[in-house]
Amino acid sequence: MSDELIELPEGWKWTTLEDLCLNPKSDIVDGPFGSNLKASEYLDTGVPIIRLQNVDRNVFIEKNIKFVSFDKAKELDRHSFEKGDIIITKLGEPLGKACLVPNNLNKGIIVADIVRVRISEKFALKKYILYVINSQVVICKLQTYTKGTTRPRVNLNHIRQLFIPLPPLNEQKRIVAKIEELNDRTQRAKEALETIPQLCDRFRQSVLAAAFRGDLTADWREQNPDVEPASVLLERTLQEKRDRTKNQLKHNELNLLIESELEELPKGWHWTTFEQVSERVTVGHVGSMKDEYISEGIPFLRSQNVRENRFDPIGLQYISKEFHKKLSKSSLQPGDLVVVRSGSVGITCVIPNNLKEANCSDLVIVKQPKAITPYYGSYYMNSVARSHVNEKQVGVALIHFNTKSMAQLPIPIAPYKEQEEIIGRVQKLFKSADTIEQQYQKAKTNLDQLNQSILAKAFRGELVPQDPDDEPASELLERIRAEREKLNNGKQKSQRTSKRKSKTVEEQGV
């Protein structure tokens, strides 16, 4: 054995996975090599195959099951599985995920990066072995065998030689029962926790809905009755826009919305459009970018960099200053709103202050909002504006949102000071929701660690009491060896008999 193995309780024994099998070479096998089973041979009906995506720790995932023909399955019979077999992954991250083949899959074939283990429950409980394989006892050992960096992998021999802490068979039963009792408790706790992110999302949407109905700041308006109304703010913004463009505004830019078609707003608020409250609404560069990206230069945003109310730098690309100048129409500066126009339509964020100079591709741009604060516009777009956006989506194969739709999108504007109050209150409430989600993630991690702590105690012999009357594991292993030897002797005798018969036939033929 290994010096690294911990001392086990009396009656336990360290053994290997293959030593628990009567015929290790046929009881522990991996899937067919390479071209022996190709993806092109997968079918929608026939004999089921188990792939990496079907295996998780202690759970078989019955999704996207593929099949092969009966002839192909017969050809690959050595790599077959049966219901109740243990299956283990030997590729990917994390390595060594294991589960049982469910009862509804009577027989099938495993793929190359799956190992099938067949153990007689006369000697070891399958669920006990399963819990060992999915514990840190084995996980850490497999990591030391890892080959390759991009896709960690272990070989079949590593799986066969996995060390297993083996208790008496009766104690295995007590351990499995206790693990499952405790796992049921943690699972119920997890299910309760899983409702928290959805509740937080609903809370945020409720906050934003209240914000743009005016309910969130109703008390503030009572305390500040004399603030400049939004209608005055809007008229001043439009006049400044007229002055900048020397009265060369398009007619539809000045057409006010028919407010009777929209919800009634609080006193001092006003309906308008994004076109009226910004310098202009335009679109990012549309066209091939394959040869334009460079390692350093002007930041170039794509839809993946736009998240709800925040800029995400992950995957940010860069372009040259020369190309940036050619794309002056789609240049960005702090305070601009950028809106996803394909895919996750309507998702909006504000260009942050640290992006002094930037450009973008295939995003709708609301340049320099004037009568609204940028974050007021962003929060609105990511909440109640969604229904308006969905009405204005065009395209069938690709959901699409264009600049005209954005320009004409209605927005309720509050007095400027009230907008600032709204943003402050929204951010404070969102921070509370973020704190709850952080606590949820911590609790979820603690539950995962608790499950591993339960397994660690189990395989140190500390989870259930030992019974001195139980048959020790050493005797159990001796019975396995005796039965294996008997089986092998029977095979050898059968082979010798077969050879003698063949020789006799040959002699008679002579």
Protein backbone atom coordinates (compact mmCIF):
# COMPACT_ATOMS: atom_id res chain seq x y z
CA MET A 1 0.00 0.00 0.00
CA SER A 2 0.96 3.66 0.06
CA ASP A 3 2.58 5.63 2.91
CA GLU A 4 0.09 8.41 2.17
CA LEU A 5 -2.92 6.32 3.22
CA ILE A 6 -4.41 7.14 6.59
CA GLU A 7 -4.74 4.57 9.35
CA LEU A 8 -8.15 2.91 9.28
CA PRO A 9 -10.34 1.66 12.15
CA GLU A 10 -10.06 -1.91 13.33
CA GLY A 11 -11.80 -4.29 10.94
CA TRP A 12 -11.23 -2.01 7.91
CA LYS A 13 -8.73 -2.59 5.12
CA TRP A 14 -7.21 -0.55 2.30
CA THR A 15 -7.76 -2.27 -1.03
CA THR A 16 -7.93 -1.34 -4.69
CA LEU A 17 -10.95 -1.10 -6.93
CA GLU A 18 -9.78 -4.04 -9.04
CA ASP A 19 -9.31 -6.20 -5.93
CA LEU A 20 -13.05 -5.90 -5.32
CA CYS A 21 -13.78 -7.48 -8.71
CA LEU A 22 -13.85 -11.17 -9.61
CA ASN A 23 -12.45 -10.52 -13.07
CA PRO A 24 -10.84 -7.03 -13.14
CA LYS A 25 -10.04 -7.09 -16.86
CA SER A 26 -13.68 -7.55 -17.83
CA ASP A 27 -15.29 -5.94 -14.77
CA ILE A 28 -13.41 -2.62 -15.12
CA VAL A 29 -13.28 -1.46 -18.74
CA ASP A 30 -13.29 1.80 -20.64
CA GLY A 31 -15.03 2.67 -23.89
CA PRO A 32 -13.91 1.83 -27.43
CA PHE A 33 -10.83 3.60 -28.71
CA GLY A 34 -11.07 6.42 -31.26
CA SER A 35 -12.48 5.37 -34.60
CA ASN A 36 -14.11 2.24 -33.17
CA LEU A 37 -17.09 4.43 -32.23
CA LYS A 38 -17.61 7.65 -34.19
CA ALA A 39 -20.11 10.42 -33.55
CA SER A 40 -21.35 9.87 -37.11
CA GLU A 41 -22.62 6.44 -35.96
CA TYR A 42 -24.91 7.92 -33.29
CA LEU A 43 -28.62 7.34 -33.85
CA ASP A 44 -31.87 8.60 -32.32
CA THR A 45 -33.03 5.07 -31.46
CA GLY A 46 -31.38 1.71 -30.84
CA VAL A 47 -28.94 0.70 -28.10
CA PRO A 48 -28.19 3.61 -25.70
CA ILE A 49 -24.69 4.98 -25.21
CA ILE A 50 -23.40 6.83 -22.16
CA ARG A 51 -21.29 9.94 -22.75
CA LEU A 52 -19.41 12.34 -20.44
CA GLN A 53 -22.34 14.75 -20.34
CA ASN A 54 -24.56 12.05 -18.82
CA VAL A 55 -22.39 11.60 -15.72
CA ASP A 56 -22.34 13.80 -12.62
CA ARG A 57 -21.37 13.03 -9.04
CA ASN A 58 -23.90 10.47 -7.74
CA VAL A 59 -26.38 11.55 -10.45
CA PHE A 60 -27.04 10.16 -13.92
CA ILE A 61 -28.23 12.91 -16.28
CA GLU A 62 -30.86 11.51 -18.61
CA LYS A 63 -30.60 14.21 -21.27
CA ASN A 64 -29.47 14.00 -24.88
CA ILE A 65 -29.13 10.23 -24.78
CA LYS A 66 -27.74 8.93 -28.07
CA PHE A 67 -27.92 5.42 -29.51
CA VAL A 68 -26.08 3.03 -31.82
CA SER A 69 -27.39 0.19 -33.99
CA PHE A 70 -27.81 -3.31 -32.52
CA ASP A 71 -25.08 -4.60 -34.84
CA LYS A 72 -22.67 -1.91 -33.63
CA ALA A 73 -23.52 -2.67 -30.01
CA LYS A 74 -22.83 -6.36 -30.59
CA GLU A 75 -19.46 -5.47 -32.12
CA LEU A 76 -18.62 -3.36 -29.04
CA ASP A 77 -20.00 -5.77 -26.44
CA ARG A 78 -16.78 -5.67 -24.39
CA HIS A 79 -17.54 -1.99 -23.70
CA SER A 80 -21.12 -2.57 -22.61
CA PHE A 81 -22.86 -1.48 -19.41
CA GLU A 82 -25.83 -2.89 -17.51
CA LYS A 83 -28.23 -1.25 -15.10
CA GLY A 84 -26.63 -0.81 -11.68
CA ASP A 85 -23.05 -0.62 -13.00
CA ILE A 86 -20.80 2.16 -11.71
CA ILE A 87 -19.64 4.55 -14.43
CA ILE A 88 -16.72 6.97 -13.97
CA THR A 89 -15.39 9.80 -16.13
CA LYS A 90 -11.67 9.73 -16.92
CA LEU A 91 -11.57 13.01 -18.85
CA GLY A 92 -12.48 16.62 -18.04
CA GLU A 93 -12.67 18.88 -15.03
CA PRO A 94 -13.36 17.70 -12.45
CA LEU A 95 -12.06 14.20 -13.05
CA GLY A 96 -13.59 11.02 -11.74
CA LYS A 97 -17.27 11.92 -11.52
CA ALA A 98 -19.17 8.73 -10.84
CA CYS A 99 -22.78 7.53 -10.77
CA LEU A 100 -24.85 4.39 -11.18
CA VAL A 101 -26.48 3.37 -14.44
CA PRO A 102 -30.23 3.87 -13.85
CA ASN A 103 -32.60 0.90 -13.90
CA ASN A 104 -34.37 2.06 -17.06
CA LEU A 105 -31.17 1.55 -19.10
CA ASN A 106 -30.93 -2.23 -19.20
CA LYS A 107 -27.86 -2.43 -21.43
CA GLY A 108 -25.82 -0.15 -23.64
CA ILE A 109 -22.34 1.03 -24.64
CA ILE A 110 -19.95 3.50 -22.98
CA VAL A 111 -17.80 5.95 -24.94
CA ALA A 112 -14.01 6.15 -24.81
CA ASP A 113 -13.67 8.48 -21.82
CA ILE A 114 -16.02 6.55 -19.55
CA VAL A 115 -15.01 3.63 -17.31
CA ARG A 116 -17.55 0.98 -16.34
CA VAL A 117 -17.07 -0.87 -13.03
CA ARG A 118 -19.02 -4.02 -12.17
CA ILE A 119 -18.91 -5.16 -8.54
CA SER A 120 -20.81 -7.97 -6.83
CA GLU A 121 -22.77 -6.67 -3.84
CA LYS A 122 -21.85 -9.85 -1.98
CA PHE A 123 -18.55 -8.11 -1.29
CA ALA A 124 -19.13 -4.35 -1.45
CA LEU A 125 -22.15 -2.08 -1.77
CA LYS A 126 -22.16 -0.22 -5.07
CA LYS A 127 -23.40 2.93 -3.35
CA TYR A 128 -20.60 2.73 -0.80
CA ILE A 129 -17.99 2.47 -3.58
CA LEU A 130 -19.76 5.29 -5.43
CA TYR A 131 -19.54 7.61 -2.41
CA VAL A 132 -15.84 6.77 -1.99
CA ILE A 133 -15.07 7.60 -5.64
CA ASN A 134 -16.93 10.92 -5.35
CA SER A 135 -15.11 11.89 -2.15
CA GLN A 136 -11.92 13.85 -1.64
CA VAL A 137 -10.20 10.54 -0.82
CA VAL A 138 -10.26 9.70 -4.53
CA ILE A 139 -10.63 13.17 -6.11
CA CYS A 140 -7.27 14.31 -4.72
CA LYS A 141 -5.60 11.07 -5.80
CA LEU A 142 -6.90 11.37 -9.36
CA GLN A 143 -5.57 14.93 -9.58
CA THR A 144 -2.05 13.62 -8.95
CA TYR A 145 -2.45 11.34 -11.99
CA THR A 146 -3.71 14.10 -14.27
CA LYS A 147 -2.15 14.26 -17.70
CA GLY A 148 -2.61 17.28 -19.97
CA THR A 149 -3.57 20.81 -19.07
CA THR A 150 -6.47 21.78 -21.31
CA ARG A 151 -8.42 18.54 -20.79
CA PRO A 152 -7.18 16.61 -17.72
CA ARG A 153 -7.27 12.85 -18.24
CA VAL A 154 -6.43 9.65 -16.37
CA ASN A 155 -5.99 6.19 -17.83
CA LEU A 156 -7.85 2.94 -17.15
CA ASN A 157 -5.09 1.55 -14.94
CA HIS A 158 -5.35 4.57 -12.63
CA ILE A 159 -9.01 3.77 -12.11
CA ARG A 160 -8.30 0.09 -11.49
CA GLN A 161 -5.62 0.94 -8.93
CA LEU A 162 -7.72 3.45 -6.95
CA PHE A 163 -7.32 2.85 -3.23
CA ILE A 164 -10.59 2.17 -1.43
CA PRO A 165 -11.00 2.21 2.39
CA LEU A 166 -13.07 -0.94 2.88
CA PRO A 167 -15.09 -1.50 6.08
CA PRO A 168 -17.01 -4.67 6.95
CA LEU A 169 -20.02 -5.22 4.70
CA ASN A 170 -22.54 -4.53 7.47
CA GLU A 171 -20.78 -1.29 8.31
CA GLN A 172 -20.90 -0.31 4.64
CA LYS A 173 -24.67 -0.60 4.86
CA ARG A 174 -24.79 1.58 7.98
CA ILE A 175 -22.51 4.17 6.36
CA VAL A 176 -24.60 4.36 3.17
CA ALA A 177 -27.82 4.72 5.18
CA LYS A 178 -26.31 7.54 7.29
CA ILE A 179 -24.82 9.37 4.29
CA GLU A 180 -28.17 9.28 2.49
CA GLU A 181 -30.01 10.50 5.59
CA LEU A 182 -27.64 13.47 5.92
CA ASN A 183 -27.62 14.11 2.16
CA ASP A 184 -31.41 14.31 2.23
CA ARG A 185 -31.15 17.06 4.82
CA THR A 186 -28.56 19.04 2.89
CA GLN A 187 -30.55 18.57 -0.32
CA ARG A 188 -33.65 20.04 1.32
CA ALA A 189 -31.54 22.95 2.53
CA LYS A 190 -30.14 23.42 -0.99
CA GLU A 191 -33.60 23.42 -2.51
CA ALA A 192 -34.67 26.09 -0.05
CA LEU A 193 -31.57 28.13 -0.87
CA GLU A 194 -32.13 27.81 -4.62
CA THR A 195 -35.21 30.03 -4.35
CA ILE A 196 -33.11 32.96 -3.13
CA PRO A 197 -31.61 34.12 -6.49
CA GLN A 198 -35.06 34.11 -8.09
CA LEU A 199 -36.50 36.04 -5.15
CA CYS A 200 -33.65 38.57 -5.42
CA ASP A 201 -34.28 38.99 -9.17
CA ARG A 202 -37.98 39.52 -8.55
CA PHE A 203 -37.15 41.98 -5.79
CA ARG A 204 -34.91 44.01 -8.13
CA GLN A 205 -37.59 44.09 -10.83
CA SER A 206 -40.17 45.16 -8.25
CA VAL A 207 -37.87 47.95 -7.10
CA LEU A 208 -37.43 49.18 -10.68
CA ALA A 209 -41.14 48.90 -11.45
CA ALA A 210 -41.87 51.00 -8.36
CA ALA A 211 -39.12 53.45 -9.36
CA PHE A 212 -40.60 54.17 -12.81
CA ARG A 213 -44.17 54.34 -11.51
CA GLY A 214 -43.02 57.00 -9.08
CA ASP A 215 -43.91 54.88 -6.02
CA LEU A 216 -40.31 54.56 -4.83
CA THR A 217 -39.93 58.31 -4.34
CA ALA A 218 -43.52 59.29 -3.44
CA ASP A 219 -42.36 60.48 0.00
CA TRP A 220 -39.51 62.46 -1.58
CA ARG A 221 -41.94 64.38 -3.83
CA GLU A 222 -44.05 65.32 -0.84
CA GLN A 223 -40.96 66.74 0.84
CA ASN A 224 -39.76 68.50 -2.35
CA PRO A 225 -42.85 70.00 -4.01
CA ASP A 226 -41.04 72.88 -5.70
CA VAL A 227 -38.51 71.05 -7.91
CA GLU A 228 -38.41 71.89 -11.60
CA PRO A 229 -40.94 69.66 -13.43
CA ALA A 230 -39.76 67.30 -16.14
CA SER A 231 -41.73 69.16 -18.84
CA VAL A 232 -39.59 72.29 -18.29
CA LEU A 233 -36.42 70.18 -18.27
CA LEU A 234 -37.46 68.52 -21.53
CA GLU A 235 -38.32 71.80 -23.29
CA ARG A 236 -34.97 73.28 -22.31
CA THR A 237 -33.17 70.16 -23.57
CA LEU A 238 -35.00 70.33 -26.91
CA GLN A 239 -34.26 74.04 -27.27
CA GLU A 240 -30.57 73.41 -26.69
CA LYS A 241 -30.74 70.70 -29.30
CA ARG A 242 -32.42 73.10 -31.76
CA ASP A 243 -29.72 75.69 -31.12
CA ARG A 244 -26.94 73.15 -31.75
CA THR A 245 -28.50 71.96 -34.98
CA LYS A 246 -29.59 75.48 -36.09
CA ASN A 247 -33.23 74.39 -36.17
CA GLN A 248 -32.42 71.57 -38.62
CA LEU A 249 -34.34 68.98 -36.62
CA LYS A 250 -36.34 66.31 -38.35
CA HIS A 251 -40.06 66.73 -37.90
CA ASN A 252 -40.57 63.40 -36.12
CA GLU A 253 -37.90 64.34 -33.58
CA LEU A 254 -40.22 67.02 -32.19
CA ASN A 255 -43.43 65.01 -32.35
CA LEU A 256 -44.52 64.55 -28.75
CA LEU A 257 -45.99 61.26 -27.68
CA ILE A 258 -49.72 60.92 -27.29
CA GLU A 259 -49.70 60.60 -23.51
CA SER A 260 -53.24 59.24 -23.40
CA GLU A 261 -51.85 55.97 -24.85
CA LEU A 262 -49.39 55.60 -21.98
CA GLU A 263 -49.69 55.16 -18.24
CA GLU A 264 -50.53 58.15 -16.11
CA LEU A 265 -47.45 59.57 -14.43
CA PRO A 266 -46.94 61.28 -11.06
CA LYS A 267 -47.18 65.07 -10.92
CA GLY A 268 -44.07 66.70 -12.37
CA TRP A 269 -43.17 63.69 -14.58
CA HIS A 270 -43.42 63.62 -18.36
CA TRP A 271 -43.45 61.04 -21.18
CA THR A 272 -40.86 61.50 -23.93
CA THR A 273 -38.59 59.40 -26.18
CA PHE A 274 -34.90 58.51 -26.10
CA GLU A 275 -34.45 60.55 -29.29
CA GLN A 276 -35.65 63.69 -27.50
CA VAL A 277 -33.44 63.28 -24.43
CA SER A 278 -30.10 62.57 -26.15
CA GLU A 279 -27.80 64.06 -28.74
CA ARG A 280 -28.72 61.27 -31.16
CA VAL A 281 -29.48 57.56 -31.41
CA THR A 282 -27.14 55.64 -33.71
CA VAL A 283 -25.71 52.18 -34.20
CA GLY A 284 -22.30 50.57 -33.79
CA HIS A 285 -20.23 49.36 -36.71
CA VAL A 286 -21.94 46.67 -38.78
CA GLY A 287 -19.56 44.63 -40.90
CA SER A 288 -16.66 42.21 -40.86
CA MET A 289 -14.08 42.73 -38.11
CA LYS A 290 -11.99 39.61 -38.73
CA ASP A 291 -8.81 41.46 -39.74
CA GLU A 292 -9.23 44.58 -37.57
CA TYR A 293 -8.60 43.29 -34.04
CA ILE A 294 -5.21 43.96 -32.46
CA SER A 295 -3.69 43.11 -29.07
CA GLU A 296 -3.70 46.70 -27.76
CA GLY A 297 -5.39 49.90 -28.85
CA ILE A 298 -8.86 51.45 -28.69
CA PRO A 299 -11.34 49.30 -26.71
CA PHE A 300 -13.97 47.79 -29.02
CA LEU A 301 -17.18 46.63 -27.37
CA ARG A 302 -19.47 43.83 -28.54
CA SER A 303 -22.76 42.56 -27.13
CA GLN A 304 -20.93 40.20 -24.75
CA ASN A 305 -19.43 43.25 -23.00
CA VAL A 306 -22.88 44.64 -22.20
CA ARG A 307 -24.53 43.28 -19.06
CA GLU A 308 -27.52 44.64 -17.15
CA ASN A 309 -26.40 48.05 -15.86
CA ARG A 310 -22.70 47.22 -16.08
CA PHE A 311 -19.88 47.05 -18.57
CA ASP A 312 -18.13 43.66 -18.64
CA PRO A 313 -14.48 43.82 -19.82
CA ILE A 314 -14.17 40.04 -20.29
CA GLY A 315 -13.49 39.29 -23.96
CA LEU A 316 -12.99 42.98 -24.81
CA GLN A 317 -11.31 43.47 -28.19
CA TYR A 318 -9.15 46.35 -29.48
CA ILE A 319 -8.77 48.22 -32.75
CA SER A 320 -6.22 50.68 -34.12
CA LYS A 321 -6.60 54.46 -33.76
CA GLU A 322 -6.76 54.74 -37.55
CA PHE A 323 -9.70 52.35 -37.79
CA HIS A 324 -11.33 54.06 -34.80
CA LYS A 325 -11.25 57.38 -36.67
CA LYS A 326 -12.94 55.77 -39.67
CA LEU A 327 -15.73 54.61 -37.36
CA SER A 328 -16.45 58.03 -35.87
CA LYS A 329 -20.20 57.40 -36.05
CA SER A 330 -19.92 54.53 -33.58
CA SER A 331 -17.35 56.08 -31.23
CA LEU A 332 -18.19 55.94 -27.53
CA GLN A 333 -17.51 58.16 -24.55
CA PRO A 334 -18.36 57.99 -20.84
CA GLY A 335 -22.06 58.43 -20.15
CA ASP A 336 -23.28 56.95 -23.46
CA LEU A 337 -25.85 54.17 -23.28
CA VAL A 338 -25.18 51.03 -25.31
CA VAL A 339 -28.02 48.61 -26.01
CA VAL A 340 -27.79 45.01 -27.30
CA ARG A 341 -29.65 44.81 -30.60
CA SER A 342 -29.24 41.12 -31.51
CA GLY A 343 -29.76 38.12 -29.27
CA SER A 344 -30.39 39.34 -25.71
CA VAL A 345 -32.18 42.37 -27.09
CA GLY A 346 -32.52 45.45 -24.91
CA ILE A 347 -29.79 44.70 -22.36
CA THR A 348 -28.24 48.08 -21.57
CA CYS A 349 -25.27 49.54 -19.73
CA VAL A 350 -23.57 52.91 -19.31
CA ILE A 351 -20.09 53.49 -20.73
CA PRO A 352 -18.01 53.94 -17.55
CA ASN A 353 -15.65 56.84 -16.87
CA ASN A 354 -12.53 54.68 -17.28
CA LEU A 355 -13.38 54.10 -20.98
CA LYS A 356 -12.33 57.56 -22.14
CA GLU A 357 -12.25 56.49 -25.77
CA ALA A 358 -13.93 53.41 -27.26
CA ASN A 359 -15.88 52.04 -30.20
CA CYS A 360 -18.35 49.24 -30.75
CA SER A 361 -19.96 46.75 -33.10
CA ASP A 362 -23.65 46.00 -33.62
CA LEU A 363 -24.92 47.91 -30.56
CA VAL A 364 -27.53 50.67 -30.46
CA ILE A 365 -25.97 53.82 -29.01
CA VAL A 366 -27.83 56.56 -27.14
CA LYS A 367 -25.30 59.39 -27.31
CA GLN A 368 -24.93 61.64 -24.28
CA PRO A 369 -28.34 61.60 -22.58
CA LYS A 370 -29.31 65.16 -21.56
CA ALA A 371 -32.69 65.25 -19.80
CA ILE A 372 -32.00 61.96 -18.02
CA THR A 373 -29.05 60.68 -16.03
CA PRO A 374 -27.35 57.79 -17.85
CA TYR A 375 -28.10 55.27 -15.09
CA TYR A 376 -31.74 56.35 -15.01
CA GLY A 377 -31.94 55.41 -18.70
CA SER A 378 -30.05 52.14 -18.15
CA TYR A 379 -32.22 51.00 -15.24
CA TYR A 380 -35.33 51.82 -17.25
CA MET A 381 -34.13 49.85 -20.27
CA ASN A 382 -33.32 46.81 -18.12
CA SER A 383 -36.74 46.76 -16.45
CA VAL A 384 -40.13 48.08 -17.53
CA ALA A 385 -38.90 49.01 -21.03
CA ARG A 386 -38.49 45.30 -21.82
CA SER A 387 -42.16 44.95 -22.83
CA HIS A 388 -41.81 47.88 -25.27
CA VAL A 389 -38.58 46.39 -26.67
CA ASN A 390 -40.20 43.00 -27.20
CA GLU A 391 -43.02 44.65 -29.16
CA LYS A 392 -40.52 46.30 -31.48
CA GLN A 393 -38.26 43.32 -32.19
CA VAL A 394 -38.00 42.46 -35.86
CA GLY A 395 -36.65 39.42 -37.66
CA VAL A 396 -37.46 35.73 -37.35
CA ALA A 397 -34.20 33.78 -37.46
CA LEU A 398 -32.41 36.50 -35.46
CA ILE A 399 -34.16 38.68 -32.91
CA HIS A 400 -33.20 42.23 -33.84
CA PHE A 401 -33.75 45.73 -32.45
CA ASN A 402 -32.97 48.75 -34.61
CA THR A 403 -32.10 52.43 -34.05
CA LYS A 404 -35.55 53.69 -35.07
CA SER A 405 -37.16 51.44 -32.48
CA MET A 406 -34.77 52.77 -29.84
CA ALA A 407 -35.21 56.40 -30.86
CA GLN A 408 -39.00 56.18 -30.61
CA LEU A 409 -39.02 54.15 -27.40
CA PRO A 410 -41.11 55.97 -24.75
CA ILE A 411 -39.50 56.80 -21.40
CA PRO A 412 -41.11 58.48 -18.38
CA ILE A 413 -38.80 61.20 -17.10
CA ALA A 414 -38.92 62.48 -13.57
CA PRO A 415 -37.54 65.87 -12.45
CA TYR A 416 -33.75 65.69 -12.62
CA LYS A 417 -33.25 65.85 -8.85
CA GLU A 418 -35.81 63.10 -8.40
CA GLN A 419 -33.97 60.97 -10.96
CA GLU A 420 -30.84 61.26 -8.83
CA GLU A 421 -32.87 60.29 -5.75
CA ILE A 422 -34.31 57.28 -7.64
CA ILE A 423 -30.84 56.08 -8.67
CA GLY A 424 -29.55 56.41 -5.10
CA ARG A 425 -32.44 54.44 -3.65
CA VAL A 426 -32.32 51.76 -6.35
CA GLN A 427 -28.59 51.25 -5.85
CA LYS A 428 -29.01 51.03 -2.07
CA LEU A 429 -31.76 48.39 -2.38
CA PHE A 430 -29.79 46.52 -5.05
CA LYS A 431 -26.79 46.46 -2.71
CA SER A 432 -28.96 44.77 -0.07
CA ALA A 433 -30.04 42.16 -2.63
CA ASP A 434 -26.38 41.65 -3.64
CA THR A 435 -25.47 41.05 0.01
CA ILE A 436 -28.20 38.42 0.32
CA GLU A 437 -26.95 36.70 -2.85
CA GLN A 438 -23.39 36.70 -1.50
CA GLN A 439 -24.64 35.07 1.69
CA TYR A 440 -26.55 32.56 -0.45
CA GLN A 441 -23.37 31.66 -2.38
CA LYS A 442 -21.47 31.27 0.89
CA ALA A 443 -24.21 29.04 2.34
CA LYS A 444 -24.28 26.96 -0.85
CA THR A 445 -20.50 26.51 -0.70
CA ASN A 446 -20.75 25.56 2.98
CA LEU A 447 -23.32 22.89 2.12
CA ASP A 448 -21.04 21.45 -0.56
CA GLN A 449 -18.19 21.40 1.93
CA LEU A 450 -20.49 19.82 4.50
CA ASN A 451 -21.23 16.96 2.10
CA GLN A 452 -17.51 16.35 1.64
CA SER A 453 -17.00 16.57 5.42
CA ILE A 454 -19.67 13.89 5.86
CA LEU A 455 -17.85 11.66 3.37
CA ALA A 456 -14.48 12.33 5.00
CA LYS A 457 -15.86 11.28 8.40
CA ALA A 458 -17.48 8.24 6.83
CA PHE A 459 -14.25 6.98 5.32
CA ARG A 460 -12.28 7.60 8.50
CA GLY A 461 -14.77 5.36 10.32
CA GLU A 462 -16.20 8.25 12.35
CA LEU A 463 -19.72 8.54 10.90
CA VAL A 464 -21.32 5.40 12.35
CA PRO A 465 -20.33 3.14 15.24
CA GLN A 466 -18.28 0.01 14.60
CA ASP A 467 -19.63 -3.42 15.59
CA PRO A 468 -16.96 -5.90 16.77
CA ASP A 469 -19.20 -8.76 15.63
CA ASP A 470 -19.05 -7.65 11.97
CA GLU A 471 -16.98 -9.80 9.64
CA PRO A 472 -13.72 -7.81 9.15
CA ALA A 473 -12.84 -6.51 5.71
CA SER A 474 -9.73 -8.74 5.60
CA GLU A 475 -11.95 -11.84 5.63
CA LEU A 476 -14.21 -10.26 3.03
CA LEU A 477 -11.21 -9.67 0.74
CA GLU A 478 -10.03 -13.23 1.36
CA ARG A 479 -13.42 -14.55 0.21
CA ILE A 480 -13.18 -12.41 -2.94
CA ARG A 481 -9.69 -13.79 -3.66
CA ALA A 482 -10.86 -17.35 -3.08
CA GLU A 483 -13.83 -16.92 -5.40
CA ARG A 484 -11.64 -15.21 -8.02
CA GLU A 485 -9.16 -18.10 -7.84
CA LYS A 486 -11.97 -20.63 -8.11
CA LEU A 487 -13.35 -18.79 -11.12
CA ASN A 488 -9.93 -18.64 -12.78
CA ASN A 489 -9.26 -22.33 -12.10
CA GLY A 490 -12.61 -23.16 -13.63
CA LYS A 491 -11.74 -21.16 -16.71
CA GLN A 492 -8.33 -22.82 -17.01
CA LYS A 493 -9.88 -26.27 -16.62
CA SER A 494 -12.45 -25.43 -19.25
CA GLN A 495 -9.69 -24.23 -21.60
CA ARG A 496 -7.64 -27.42 -21.05
CA THR A 497 -10.73 -29.57 -21.71
CA SER A 498 -11.44 -27.60 -24.86
CA LYS A 499 -7.85 -28.08 -26.06
CA ARG A 500 -7.97 -31.85 -25.40
CA LYS A 501 -11.21 -32.15 -27.35
CA SER A 502 -9.72 -30.20 -30.22
CA LYS A 503 -6.62 -32.42 -30.21
CA THR A 504 -8.74 -35.59 -30.17
CA VAL A 505 -10.80 -34.34 -33.10
CA GLU A 506 -7.63 -33.55 -35.02
CA GLU A 507 -6.18 -37.03 -34.29
CA GLN A 508 -9.40 -38.75 -35.33
CA GLY A 509 -9.37 -36.68 -38.48
CA VAL A 510 -5.89 -37.91 -39.20
